[in-house]
Amino acid sequence: MISNAYAQAAAPAQQGDPLPSLFIIIGMFVLMYFLMIRPQQKKAKEHKLMVDGLQKGDEVIAMGIVGKITKVGDGYVSLEVSEGNVLHIQKQAVSTLLPKGTYNDVAK
């Protein structure tokens, strides 16, 4: 009545040269390194140098807020955002170092 169903025999394994596949995989890793990893490391290094070089009087953008640094500590900076208003933020939150005089132009 009902016949048994059997799986087909597996196709014979190809004994080709694995070297081209290896070159493709290595090429993908090299491409990913130059397009993704290396630029990110370079950007992180530049940001670290900028954060380590912060000084009192520098004008910066931190978390979208423009201000002037009034005090620099080990891990924090005091950022004056307007006359008498000072925020204490982590150094790593500083994203951009602005040219001198920019704070006065923006504050007006």
PDB file of N, CA and C in Angstrom:
ATOM      1  N   MET A   1       0.795  -1.186   0.000  1.00  0.00           N
ATOM      2  CA  MET A   1       0.000   0.000   0.000  1.00  0.00           C
ATOM      3  C   MET A   1       0.847   1.264   0.000  1.00  0.00           C
ATOM      4  N   ILE A   2       1.480   1.523   1.128  1.00  0.00           N
ATOM      5  CA  ILE A   2       2.338   2.706   1.180  1.00  0.00           C
ATOM      6  C   ILE A   2       3.774   2.213   1.120  1.00  0.00           C
ATOM      7  N   SER A   3       4.510   2.746   0.171  1.00  0.00           N
ATOM      8  CA  SER A   3       5.896   2.312   0.038  1.00  0.00           C
ATOM      9  C   SER A   3       6.809   3.149   0.938  1.00  0.00           C
ATOM     10  N   ASN A   4       7.906   2.569   1.310  1.00  0.00           N
ATOM     11  CA  ASN A   4       8.865   3.277   2.146  1.00  0.00           C
ATOM     12  C   ASN A   4       9.593   4.345   1.328  1.00  0.00           C
ATOM     13  N   ALA A   5       9.881   5.469   1.981  1.00  0.00           N
ATOM     14  CA  ALA A   5      10.617   6.556   1.338  1.00  0.00           C
ATOM     15  C   ALA A   5      12.048   6.521   1.850  1.00  0.00           C
ATOM     16  N   TYR A   6      12.981   6.499   0.927  1.00  0.00           N
ATOM     17  CA  TYR A   6      14.392   6.461   1.293  1.00  0.00           C
ATOM     18  C   TYR A   6      15.078   7.730   0.798  1.00  0.00           C
ATOM     19  N   ALA A   7      16.052   8.193   1.560  1.00  0.00           N
ATOM     20  CA  ALA A   7      16.815   9.379   1.174  1.00  0.00           C
ATOM     21  C   ALA A   7      17.707   9.032  -0.001  1.00  0.00           C
ATOM     22  N   GLN A   8      17.914  10.039  -0.846  1.00  0.00           N
ATOM     23  CA  GLN A   8      18.801   9.829  -1.981  1.00  0.00           C
ATOM     24  C   GLN A   8      20.243   9.765  -1.501  1.00  0.00           C
ATOM     25  N   ALA A   9      21.044   9.134  -2.249  1.00  0.00           N
ATOM     26  CA  ALA A   9      22.455   9.045  -1.923  1.00  0.00           C
ATOM     27  C   ALA A   9      23.088  10.424  -2.066  1.00  0.00           C
ATOM     28  N   ALA A  10      24.010  10.752  -1.185  1.00  0.00           N
ATOM     29  CA  ALA A  10      24.678  12.044  -1.215  1.00  0.00           C
ATOM     30  C   ALA A  10      25.537  12.150  -2.464  1.00  0.00           C
ATOM     31  N   ALA A  11      25.647  13.359  -2.951  1.00  0.00           N
ATOM     32  CA  ALA A  11      26.485  13.604  -4.115  1.00  0.00           C
ATOM     33  C   ALA A  11      27.938  13.359  -3.716  1.00  0.00           C
ATOM     34  N   PRO A  12      28.738  12.867  -4.609  1.00  0.00           N
ATOM     35  CA  PRO A  12      30.138  12.630  -4.264  1.00  0.00           C
ATOM     36  C   PRO A  12      30.852  13.951  -3.962  1.00  0.00           C
ATOM     37  N   ALA A  13      31.688  13.955  -2.941  1.00  0.00           N
ATOM     38  CA  ALA A  13      32.425  15.151  -2.548  1.00  0.00           C
ATOM     39  C   ALA A  13      33.424  15.512  -3.638  1.00  0.00           C
ATOM     40  N   GLN A  14      33.490  16.814  -3.901  1.00  0.00           N
ATOM     41  CA  GLN A  14      34.436  17.276  -4.919  1.00  0.00           C
ATOM     42  C   GLN A  14      35.811  17.412  -4.272  1.00  0.00           C
ATOM     43  N   GLN A  15      36.787  16.961  -4.919  1.00  0.00           N
ATOM     44  CA  GLN A  15      38.151  17.007  -4.397  1.00  0.00           C
ATOM     45  C   GLN A  15      38.922  18.144  -5.052  1.00  0.00           C
ATOM     46  N   GLY A  16      38.288  19.334  -5.149  1.00  0.00           N
ATOM     47  CA  GLY A  16      38.942  20.478  -5.771  1.00  0.00           C
ATOM     48  C   GLY A  16      40.001  21.077  -4.874  1.00  0.00           C
ATOM     49  N   ASP A  17      40.680  22.061  -5.391  1.00  0.00           N
ATOM     50  CA  ASP A  17      41.744  22.737  -4.662  1.00  0.00           C
ATOM     51  C   ASP A  17      41.122  23.743  -3.680  1.00  0.00           C
ATOM     52  N   PRO A  18      41.384  23.650  -2.367  1.00  0.00           N
ATOM     53  CA  PRO A  18      40.794  24.578  -1.391  1.00  0.00           C
ATOM     54  C   PRO A  18      41.510  25.925  -1.337  1.00  0.00           C
ATOM     55  N   LEU A  19      42.598  26.088  -2.059  1.00  0.00           N
ATOM     56  CA  LEU A  19      43.387  27.310  -2.005  1.00  0.00           C
ATOM     57  C   LEU A  19      42.610  28.555  -2.467  1.00  0.00           C
ATOM     58  N   PRO A  20      41.842  28.510  -3.564  1.00  0.00           N
ATOM     59  CA  PRO A  20      41.081  29.711  -3.943  1.00  0.00           C
ATOM     60  C   PRO A  20      40.087  30.148  -2.863  1.00  0.00           C
ATOM     61  N   SER A  21      39.464  29.201  -2.199  1.00  0.00           N
ATOM     62  CA  SER A  21      38.530  29.556  -1.124  1.00  0.00           C
ATOM     63  C   SER A  21      39.268  30.227   0.025  1.00  0.00           C
ATOM     64  N   LEU A  22      40.442  29.755   0.323  1.00  0.00           N
ATOM     65  CA  LEU A  22      41.244  30.339   1.392  1.00  0.00           C
ATOM     66  C   LEU A  22      41.649  31.772   1.040  1.00  0.00           C
ATOM     67  N   PHE A  23      42.020  32.004  -0.215  1.00  0.00           N
ATOM     68  CA  PHE A  23      42.387  33.350  -0.651  1.00  0.00           C
ATOM     69  C   PHE A  23      41.200  34.303  -0.545  1.00  0.00           C
ATOM     70  N   ILE A  24      40.011  33.846  -0.847  1.00  0.00           N
ATOM     71  CA  ILE A  24      38.817  34.692  -0.754  1.00  0.00           C
ATOM     72  C   ILE A  24      38.556  35.078   0.697  1.00  0.00           C
ATOM     73  N   ILE A  25      38.667  34.129   1.600  1.00  0.00           N
ATOM     74  CA  ILE A  25      38.430  34.418   3.017  1.00  0.00           C
ATOM     75  C   ILE A  25      39.484  35.391   3.551  1.00  0.00           C
ATOM     76  N   ILE A  26      40.737  35.158   3.216  1.00  0.00           N
ATOM     77  CA  ILE A  26      41.807  36.063   3.658  1.00  0.00           C
ATOM     78  C   ILE A  26      41.599  37.455   3.064  1.00  0.00           C
ATOM     79  N   GLY A  27      41.203  37.516   1.803  1.00  0.00           N
ATOM     80  CA  GLY A  27      40.928  38.802   1.163  1.00  0.00           C
ATOM     81  C   GLY A  27      39.803  39.555   1.842  1.00  0.00           C
ATOM     82  N   MET A  28      38.780  38.835   2.277  1.00  0.00           N
ATOM     83  CA  MET A  28      37.673  39.488   2.977  1.00  0.00           C
ATOM     84  C   MET A  28      38.135  40.077   4.305  1.00  0.00           C
ATOM     85  N   PHE A  29      38.989  39.354   5.036  1.00  0.00           N
ATOM     86  CA  PHE A  29      39.498  39.882   6.303  1.00  0.00           C
ATOM     87  C   PHE A  29      40.391  41.110   6.077  1.00  0.00           C
ATOM     88  N   VAL A  30      41.213  41.068   5.053  1.00  0.00           N
ATOM     89  CA  VAL A  30      42.077  42.221   4.753  1.00  0.00           C
ATOM     90  C   VAL A  30      41.231  43.424   4.369  1.00  0.00           C
ATOM     91  N   LEU A  31      40.225  43.226   3.553  1.00  0.00           N
ATOM     92  CA  LEU A  31      39.334  44.306   3.133  1.00  0.00           C
ATOM     93  C   LEU A  31      38.592  44.890   4.339  1.00  0.00           C
ATOM     94  N   MET A  32      38.092  44.025   5.210  1.00  0.00           N
ATOM     95  CA  MET A  32      37.380  44.493   6.389  1.00  0.00           C
ATOM     96  C   MET A  32      38.317  45.283   7.305  1.00  0.00           C
ATOM     97  N   TYR A  33      39.561  44.860   7.423  1.00  0.00           N
ATOM     98  CA  TYR A  33      40.520  45.582   8.251  1.00  0.00           C
ATOM     99  C   TYR A  33      40.730  47.000   7.722  1.00  0.00           C
ATOM    100  N   PHE A  34      40.966  47.130   6.409  1.00  0.00           N
ATOM    101  CA  PHE A  34      41.267  48.450   5.851  1.00  0.00           C
ATOM    102  C   PHE A  34      40.047  49.340   5.731  1.00  0.00           C
ATOM    103  N   LEU A  35      38.857  48.780   5.615  1.00  0.00           N
ATOM    104  CA  LEU A  35      37.655  49.596   5.458  1.00  0.00           C
ATOM    105  C   LEU A  35      36.940  49.892   6.773  1.00  0.00           C
ATOM    106  N   MET A  36      37.121  49.038   7.783  1.00  0.00           N
ATOM    107  CA  MET A  36      36.366  49.229   9.019  1.00  0.00           C
ATOM    108  C   MET A  36      37.237  49.373  10.256  1.00  0.00           C
ATOM    109  N   ILE A  37      38.117  48.459  10.489  1.00  0.00           N
ATOM    110  CA  ILE A  37      38.844  48.413  11.757  1.00  0.00           C
ATOM    111  C   ILE A  37      39.898  49.515  11.847  1.00  0.00           C
ATOM    112  N   ARG A  38      40.703  49.651  10.822  1.00  0.00           N
ATOM    113  CA  ARG A  38      41.796  50.639  10.855  1.00  0.00           C
ATOM    114  C   ARG A  38      41.290  52.077  10.980  1.00  0.00           C
ATOM    115  N   PRO A  39      40.278  52.504  10.194  1.00  0.00           N
ATOM    116  CA  PRO A  39      39.781  53.883  10.375  1.00  0.00           C
ATOM    117  C   PRO A  39      39.206  54.131  11.773  1.00  0.00           C
ATOM    118  N   GLN A  40      38.538  53.130  12.344  1.00  0.00           N
ATOM    119  CA  GLN A  40      37.979  53.297  13.682  1.00  0.00           C
ATOM    120  C   GLN A  40      39.081  53.437  14.725  1.00  0.00           C
ATOM    121  N   GLN A  41      40.147  52.655  14.589  1.00  0.00           N
ATOM    122  CA  GLN A  41      41.274  52.767  15.525  1.00  0.00           C
ATOM    123  C   GLN A  41      41.951  54.129  15.399  1.00  0.00           C
ATOM    124  N   LYS A  42      42.075  54.620  14.183  1.00  0.00           N
ATOM    125  CA  LYS A  42      42.704  55.918  13.956  1.00  0.00           C
ATOM    126  C   LYS A  42      41.865  57.033  14.582  1.00  0.00           C
ATOM    127  N   LYS A  43      40.552  56.963  14.405  1.00  0.00           N
ATOM    128  CA  LYS A  43      39.665  57.972  14.968  1.00  0.00           C
ATOM    129  C   LYS A  43      39.702  57.933  16.498  1.00  0.00           C
ATOM    130  N   ALA A  44      39.724  56.745  17.087  1.00  0.00           N
ATOM    131  CA  ALA A  44      39.780  56.604  18.539  1.00  0.00           C
ATOM    132  C   ALA A  44      41.091  57.166  19.084  1.00  0.00           C
ATOM    133  N   LYS A  45      42.189  56.947  18.367  1.00  0.00           N
ATOM    134  CA  LYS A  45      43.488  57.459  18.795  1.00  0.00           C
ATOM    135  C   LYS A  45      43.500  58.992  18.756  1.00  0.00           C
ATOM    136  N   GLU A  46      42.949  59.584  17.699  1.00  0.00           N
ATOM    137  CA  GLU A  46      42.886  61.041  17.598  1.00  0.00           C
ATOM    138  C   GLU A  46      42.027  61.634  18.710  1.00  0.00           C
ATOM    139  N   HIS A  47      40.897  60.987  19.031  1.00  0.00           N
ATOM    140  CA  HIS A  47      40.020  61.471  20.098  1.00  0.00           C
ATOM    141  C   HIS A  47      40.729  61.406  21.447  1.00  0.00           C
ATOM    142  N   LYS A  48      41.455  60.326  21.688  1.00  0.00           N
ATOM    143  CA  LYS A  48      42.188  60.187  22.951  1.00  0.00           C
ATOM    144  C   LYS A  48      43.248  61.282  23.088  1.00  0.00           C
ATOM    145  N   LEU A  49      43.975  61.573  22.000  1.00  0.00           N
ATOM    146  CA  LEU A  49      44.971  62.643  22.043  1.00  0.00           C
ATOM    147  C   LEU A  49      44.311  63.996  22.314  1.00  0.00           C
ATOM    148  N   MET A  50      43.156  64.234  21.696  1.00  0.00           N
ATOM    149  CA  MET A  50      42.445  65.493  21.889  1.00  0.00           C
ATOM    150  C   MET A  50      41.974  65.608  23.342  1.00  0.00           C
ATOM    151  N   VAL A  51      41.418  64.538  23.901  1.00  0.00           N
ATOM    152  CA  VAL A  51      40.921  64.555  25.279  1.00  0.00           C
ATOM    153  C   VAL A  51      42.078  64.732  26.260  1.00  0.00           C
ATOM    154  N   ASP A  52      43.202  64.080  26.021  1.00  0.00           N
ATOM    155  CA  ASP A  52      44.357  64.210  26.905  1.00  0.00           C
ATOM    156  C   ASP A  52      44.960  65.616  26.863  1.00  0.00           C
ATOM    157  N   GLY A  53      44.757  66.334  25.771  1.00  0.00           N
ATOM    158  CA  GLY A  53      45.332  67.663  25.619  1.00  0.00           C
ATOM    159  C   GLY A  53      44.411  68.800  26.017  1.00  0.00           C
ATOM    160  N   LEU A  54      43.253  68.513  26.612  1.00  0.00           N
ATOM    161  CA  LEU A  54      42.329  69.583  27.006  1.00  0.00           C
ATOM    162  C   LEU A  54      42.948  70.447  28.096  1.00  0.00           C
ATOM    163  N   GLN A  55      42.722  71.771  27.967  1.00  0.00           N
ATOM    164  CA  GLN A  55      43.278  72.729  28.923  1.00  0.00           C
ATOM    165  C   GLN A  55      42.207  73.725  29.315  1.00  0.00           C
ATOM    166  N   LYS A  56      42.460  74.423  30.396  1.00  0.00           N
ATOM    167  CA  LYS A  56      41.558  75.489  30.829  1.00  0.00           C
ATOM    168  C   LYS A  56      41.523  76.567  29.739  1.00  0.00           C
ATOM    169  N   GLY A  57      40.346  77.020  29.396  1.00  0.00           N
ATOM    170  CA  GLY A  57      40.185  78.059  28.378  1.00  0.00           C
ATOM    171  C   GLY A  57      39.855  77.517  26.996  1.00  0.00           C
ATOM    172  N   ASP A  58      39.984  76.206  26.795  1.00  0.00           N
ATOM    173  CA  ASP A  58      39.631  75.623  25.496  1.00  0.00           C
ATOM    174  C   ASP A  58      38.126  75.701  25.286  1.00  0.00           C
ATOM    175  N   GLU A  59      37.738  75.909  24.050  1.00  0.00           N
ATOM    176  CA  GLU A  59      36.323  75.945  23.694  1.00  0.00           C
ATOM    177  C   GLU A  59      35.992  74.634  22.990  1.00  0.00           C
ATOM    178  N   VAL A  60      34.930  73.957  23.482  1.00  0.00           N
ATOM    179  CA  VAL A  60      34.641  72.609  23.025  1.00  0.00           C
ATOM    180  C   VAL A  60      33.144  72.415  22.803  1.00  0.00           C
ATOM    181  N   ILE A  61      32.841  71.308  22.125  1.00  0.00           N
ATOM    182  CA  ILE A  61      31.471  70.816  22.022  1.00  0.00           C
ATOM    183  C   ILE A  61      31.446  69.483  22.757  1.00  0.00           C
ATOM    184  N   ALA A  62      30.544  69.381  23.731  1.00  0.00           N
ATOM    185  CA  ALA A  62      30.396  68.149  24.502  1.00  0.00           C
ATOM    186  C   ALA A  62      28.921  67.792  24.533  1.00  0.00           C
ATOM    187  N   MET A  63      28.577  66.630  24.028  1.00  0.00           N
ATOM    188  CA  MET A  63      27.187  66.156  23.999  1.00  0.00           C
ATOM    189  C   MET A  63      26.270  67.166  23.309  1.00  0.00           C
ATOM    190  N   GLY A  64      26.777  67.868  22.329  1.00  0.00           N
ATOM    191  CA  GLY A  64      25.987  68.863  21.615  1.00  0.00           C
ATOM    192  C   GLY A  64      25.927  70.210  22.298  1.00  0.00           C
ATOM    193  N   ILE A  65      26.627  70.387  23.395  1.00  0.00           N
ATOM    194  CA  ILE A  65      26.624  71.635  24.159  1.00  0.00           C
ATOM    195  C   ILE A  65      27.949  72.355  23.927  1.00  0.00           C
ATOM    196  N   VAL A  66      27.868  73.631  23.564  1.00  0.00           N
ATOM    197  CA  VAL A  66      29.069  74.430  23.333  1.00  0.00           C
ATOM    198  C   VAL A  66      29.420  75.138  24.638  1.00  0.00           C
ATOM    199  N   GLY A  67      30.699  75.088  25.007  1.00  0.00           N
ATOM    200  CA  GLY A  67      31.112  75.758  26.230  1.00  0.00           C
ATOM    201  C   GLY A  67      32.606  75.960  26.286  1.00  0.00           C
ATOM    202  N   LYS A  68      33.030  76.620  27.366  1.00  0.00           N
ATOM    203  CA  LYS A  68      34.443  76.902  27.588  1.00  0.00           C
ATOM    204  C   LYS A  68      34.875  76.162  28.855  1.00  0.00           C
ATOM    205  N   ILE A  69      36.008  75.498  28.782  1.00  0.00           N
ATOM    206  CA  ILE A  69      36.508  74.736  29.915  1.00  0.00           C
ATOM    207  C   ILE A  69      37.067  75.695  30.964  1.00  0.00           C
ATOM    208  N   THR A  70      36.581  75.533  32.215  1.00  0.00           N
ATOM    209  CA  THR A  70      37.063  76.375  33.305  1.00  0.00           C
ATOM    210  C   THR A  70      37.973  75.619  34.258  1.00  0.00           C
ATOM    211  N   LYS A  71      37.860  74.284  34.293  1.00  0.00           N
ATOM    212  CA  LYS A  71      38.686  73.488  35.193  1.00  0.00           C
ATOM    213  C   LYS A  71      38.842  72.100  34.590  1.00  0.00           C
ATOM    214  N   VAL A  72      40.068  71.554  34.665  1.00  0.00           N
ATOM    215  CA  VAL A  72      40.347  70.220  34.134  1.00  0.00           C
ATOM    216  C   VAL A  72      40.802  69.333  35.280  1.00  0.00           C
ATOM    217  N   GLY A  73      40.116  68.206  35.463  1.00  0.00           N
ATOM    218  CA  GLY A  73      40.500  67.228  36.480  1.00  0.00           C
ATOM    219  C   GLY A  73      41.025  65.971  35.808  1.00  0.00           C
ATOM    220  N   ASP A  74      41.151  64.904  36.595  1.00  0.00           N
ATOM    221  CA  ASP A  74      41.650  63.645  36.040  1.00  0.00           C
ATOM    222  C   ASP A  74      40.669  63.044  35.040  1.00  0.00           C
ATOM    223  N   GLY A  75      39.410  62.921  35.418  1.00  0.00           N
ATOM    224  CA  GLY A  75      38.435  62.298  34.533  1.00  0.00           C
ATOM    225  C   GLY A  75      37.306  63.227  34.134  1.00  0.00           C
ATOM    226  N   TYR A  76      37.282  64.421  34.726  1.00  0.00           N
ATOM    227  CA  TYR A  76      36.182  65.348  34.491  1.00  0.00           C
ATOM    228  C   TYR A  76      36.701  66.729  34.113  1.00  0.00           C
ATOM    229  N   VAL A  77      35.847  67.495  33.441  1.00  0.00           N
ATOM    230  CA  VAL A  77      36.130  68.898  33.151  1.00  0.00           C
ATOM    231  C   VAL A  77      34.918  69.717  33.569  1.00  0.00           C
ATOM    232  N   SER A  78      35.164  70.962  33.934  1.00  0.00           N
ATOM    233  CA  SER A  78      34.077  71.900  34.230  1.00  0.00           C
ATOM    234  C   SER A  78      33.888  72.741  32.987  1.00  0.00           C
ATOM    235  N   LEU A  79      32.659  72.761  32.496  1.00  0.00           N
ATOM    236  CA  LEU A  79      32.346  73.422  31.238  1.00  0.00           C
ATOM    237  C   LEU A  79      31.375  74.562  31.504  1.00  0.00           C
ATOM    238  N   GLU A  80      31.822  75.798  31.232  1.00  0.00           N
ATOM    239  CA  GLU A  80      30.953  76.957  31.403  1.00  0.00           C
ATOM    240  C   GLU A  80      30.116  77.115  30.136  1.00  0.00           C
ATOM    241  N   VAL A  81      28.804  76.958  30.287  1.00  0.00           N
ATOM    242  CA  VAL A  81      27.922  77.025  29.117  1.00  0.00           C
ATOM    243  C   VAL A  81      27.295  78.398  28.969  1.00  0.00           C
ATOM    244  N   SER A  82      27.209  79.158  30.050  1.00  0.00           N
ATOM    245  CA  SER A  82      26.779  80.552  30.005  1.00  0.00           C
ATOM    246  C   SER A  82      27.321  81.227  31.254  1.00  0.00           C
ATOM    247  N   GLU A  83      27.118  82.499  31.385  1.00  0.00           N
ATOM    248  CA  GLU A  83      27.669  83.252  32.508  1.00  0.00           C
ATOM    249  C   GLU A  83      27.174  82.672  33.831  1.00  0.00           C
ATOM    250  N   GLY A  84      28.090  82.059  34.591  1.00  0.00           N
ATOM    251  CA  GLY A  84      27.748  81.518  35.895  1.00  0.00           C
ATOM    252  C   GLY A  84      27.189  80.102  35.890  1.00  0.00           C
ATOM    253  N   ASN A  85      26.916  79.527  34.734  1.00  0.00           N
ATOM    254  CA  ASN A  85      26.398  78.153  34.652  1.00  0.00           C
ATOM    255  C   ASN A  85      27.525  77.216  34.232  1.00  0.00           C
ATOM    256  N   VAL A  86      27.883  76.314  35.146  1.00  0.00           N
ATOM    257  CA  VAL A  86      28.993  75.402  34.899  1.00  0.00           C
ATOM    258  C   VAL A  86      28.489  73.968  34.997  1.00  0.00           C
ATOM    259  N   LEU A  87      28.827  73.160  34.019  1.00  0.00           N
ATOM    260  CA  LEU A  87      28.505  71.739  34.015  1.00  0.00           C
ATOM    261  C   LEU A  87      29.788  70.953  34.271  1.00  0.00           C
ATOM    262  N   HIS A  88      29.670  69.882  35.035  1.00  0.00           N
ATOM    263  CA  HIS A  88      30.805  69.001  35.269  1.00  0.00           C
ATOM    264  C   HIS A  88      30.542  67.741  34.452  1.00  0.00           C
ATOM    265  N   ILE A  89      31.397  67.484  33.480  1.00  0.00           N
ATOM    266  CA  ILE A  89      31.191  66.353  32.573  1.00  0.00           C
ATOM    267  C   ILE A  89      32.462  65.519  32.485  1.00  0.00           C
ATOM    268  N   GLN A  90      32.299  64.285  32.015  1.00  0.00           N
ATOM    269  CA  GLN A  90      33.458  63.434  31.803  1.00  0.00           C
ATOM    270  C   GLN A  90      34.241  63.939  30.597  1.00  0.00           C
ATOM    271  N   LYS A  91      35.538  63.755  30.655  1.00  0.00           N
ATOM    272  CA  LYS A  91      36.391  64.184  29.539  1.00  0.00           C
ATOM    273  C   LYS A  91      36.006  63.495  28.236  1.00  0.00           C
ATOM    274  N   GLN A  92      35.633  62.214  28.327  1.00  0.00           N
ATOM    275  CA  GLN A  92      35.303  61.451  27.121  1.00  0.00           C
ATOM    276  C   GLN A  92      34.057  61.975  26.416  1.00  0.00           C
ATOM    277  N   ALA A  93      33.242  62.788  27.110  1.00  0.00           N
ATOM    278  CA  ALA A  93      32.037  63.336  26.499  1.00  0.00           C
ATOM    279  C   ALA A  93      32.359  64.480  25.540  1.00  0.00           C
ATOM    280  N   VAL A  94      33.564  65.024  25.615  1.00  0.00           N
ATOM    281  CA  VAL A  94      33.973  66.109  24.719  1.00  0.00           C
ATOM    282  C   VAL A  94      34.205  65.505  23.331  1.00  0.00           C
ATOM    283  N   SER A  95      33.486  66.039  22.351  1.00  0.00           N
ATOM    284  CA  SER A  95      33.587  65.467  21.011  1.00  0.00           C
ATOM    285  C   SER A  95      34.432  66.308  20.058  1.00  0.00           C
ATOM    286  N   THR A  96      34.433  67.632  20.244  1.00  0.00           N
ATOM    287  CA  THR A  96      35.125  68.499  19.292  1.00  0.00           C
ATOM    288  C   THR A  96      35.812  69.645  20.011  1.00  0.00           C
ATOM    289  N   LEU A  97      37.013  69.948  19.608  1.00  0.00           N
ATOM    290  CA  LEU A  97      37.748  71.109  20.102  1.00  0.00           C
ATOM    291  C   LEU A  97      37.552  72.223  19.080  1.00  0.00           C
ATOM    292  N   LEU A  98      37.015  73.353  19.522  1.00  0.00           N
ATOM    293  CA  LEU A  98      36.700  74.457  18.619  1.00  0.00           C
ATOM    294  C   LEU A  98      37.839  75.469  18.565  1.00  0.00           C
ATOM    295  N   PRO A  99      37.925  76.234  17.470  1.00  0.00           N
ATOM    296  CA  PRO A  99      38.920  77.310  17.409  1.00  0.00           C
ATOM    297  C   PRO A  99      38.588  78.408  18.428  1.00  0.00           C
ATOM    298  N   LYS A 100      39.619  79.109  18.886  1.00  0.00           N
ATOM    299  CA  LYS A 100      39.432  80.180  19.865  1.00  0.00           C
ATOM    300  C   LYS A 100      38.483  81.239  19.301  1.00  0.00           C
ATOM    301  N   GLY A 101      37.593  81.745  20.165  1.00  0.00           N
ATOM    302  CA  GLY A 101      36.648  82.785  19.764  1.00  0.00           C
ATOM    303  C   GLY A 101      35.306  82.248  19.288  1.00  0.00           C
ATOM    304  N   THR A 102      35.194  80.978  19.073  1.00  0.00           N
ATOM    305  CA  THR A 102      33.936  80.396  18.598  1.00  0.00           C
ATOM    306  C   THR A 102      32.859  80.485  19.667  1.00  0.00           C
ATOM    307  N   TYR A 103      33.231  80.275  20.922  1.00  0.00           N
ATOM    308  CA  TYR A 103      32.271  80.308  22.019  1.00  0.00           C
ATOM    309  C   TYR A 103      31.598  81.668  22.107  1.00  0.00           C
ATOM    310  N   ASN A 104      32.365  82.728  21.961  1.00  0.00           N
ATOM    311  CA  ASN A 104      31.790  84.086  22.028  1.00  0.00           C
ATOM    312  C   ASN A 104      30.848  84.344  20.856  1.00  0.00           C
ATOM    313  N   ASP A 105      31.175  83.816  19.682  1.00  0.00           N
ATOM    314  CA  ASP A 105      30.309  83.994  18.514  1.00  0.00           C
ATOM    315  C   ASP A 105      28.996  83.246  18.685  1.00  0.00           C
ATOM    316  N   VAL A 106      29.034  82.068  19.280  1.00  0.00           N
ATOM    317  CA  VAL A 106      27.841  81.257  19.457  1.00  0.00           C
ATOM    318  C   VAL A 106      26.985  81.798  20.603  1.00  0.00           C
ATOM    319  N   ALA A 107      27.620  82.309  21.655  1.00  0.00           N
ATOM    320  CA  ALA A 107      26.903  82.769  22.854  1.00  0.00           C
ATOM    321  C   ALA A 107      26.086  84.025  22.590  1.00  0.00           C
ATOM    322  N   LYS A 108      26.386  84.763  21.557  1.00  0.00           N
ATOM    323  CA  LYS A 108      25.654  86.030  21.294  1.00  0.00           C
ATOM    324  C   LYS A 108      24.319  85.772  20.670  1.00  0.00           C
TER     325      LYS A 108
END
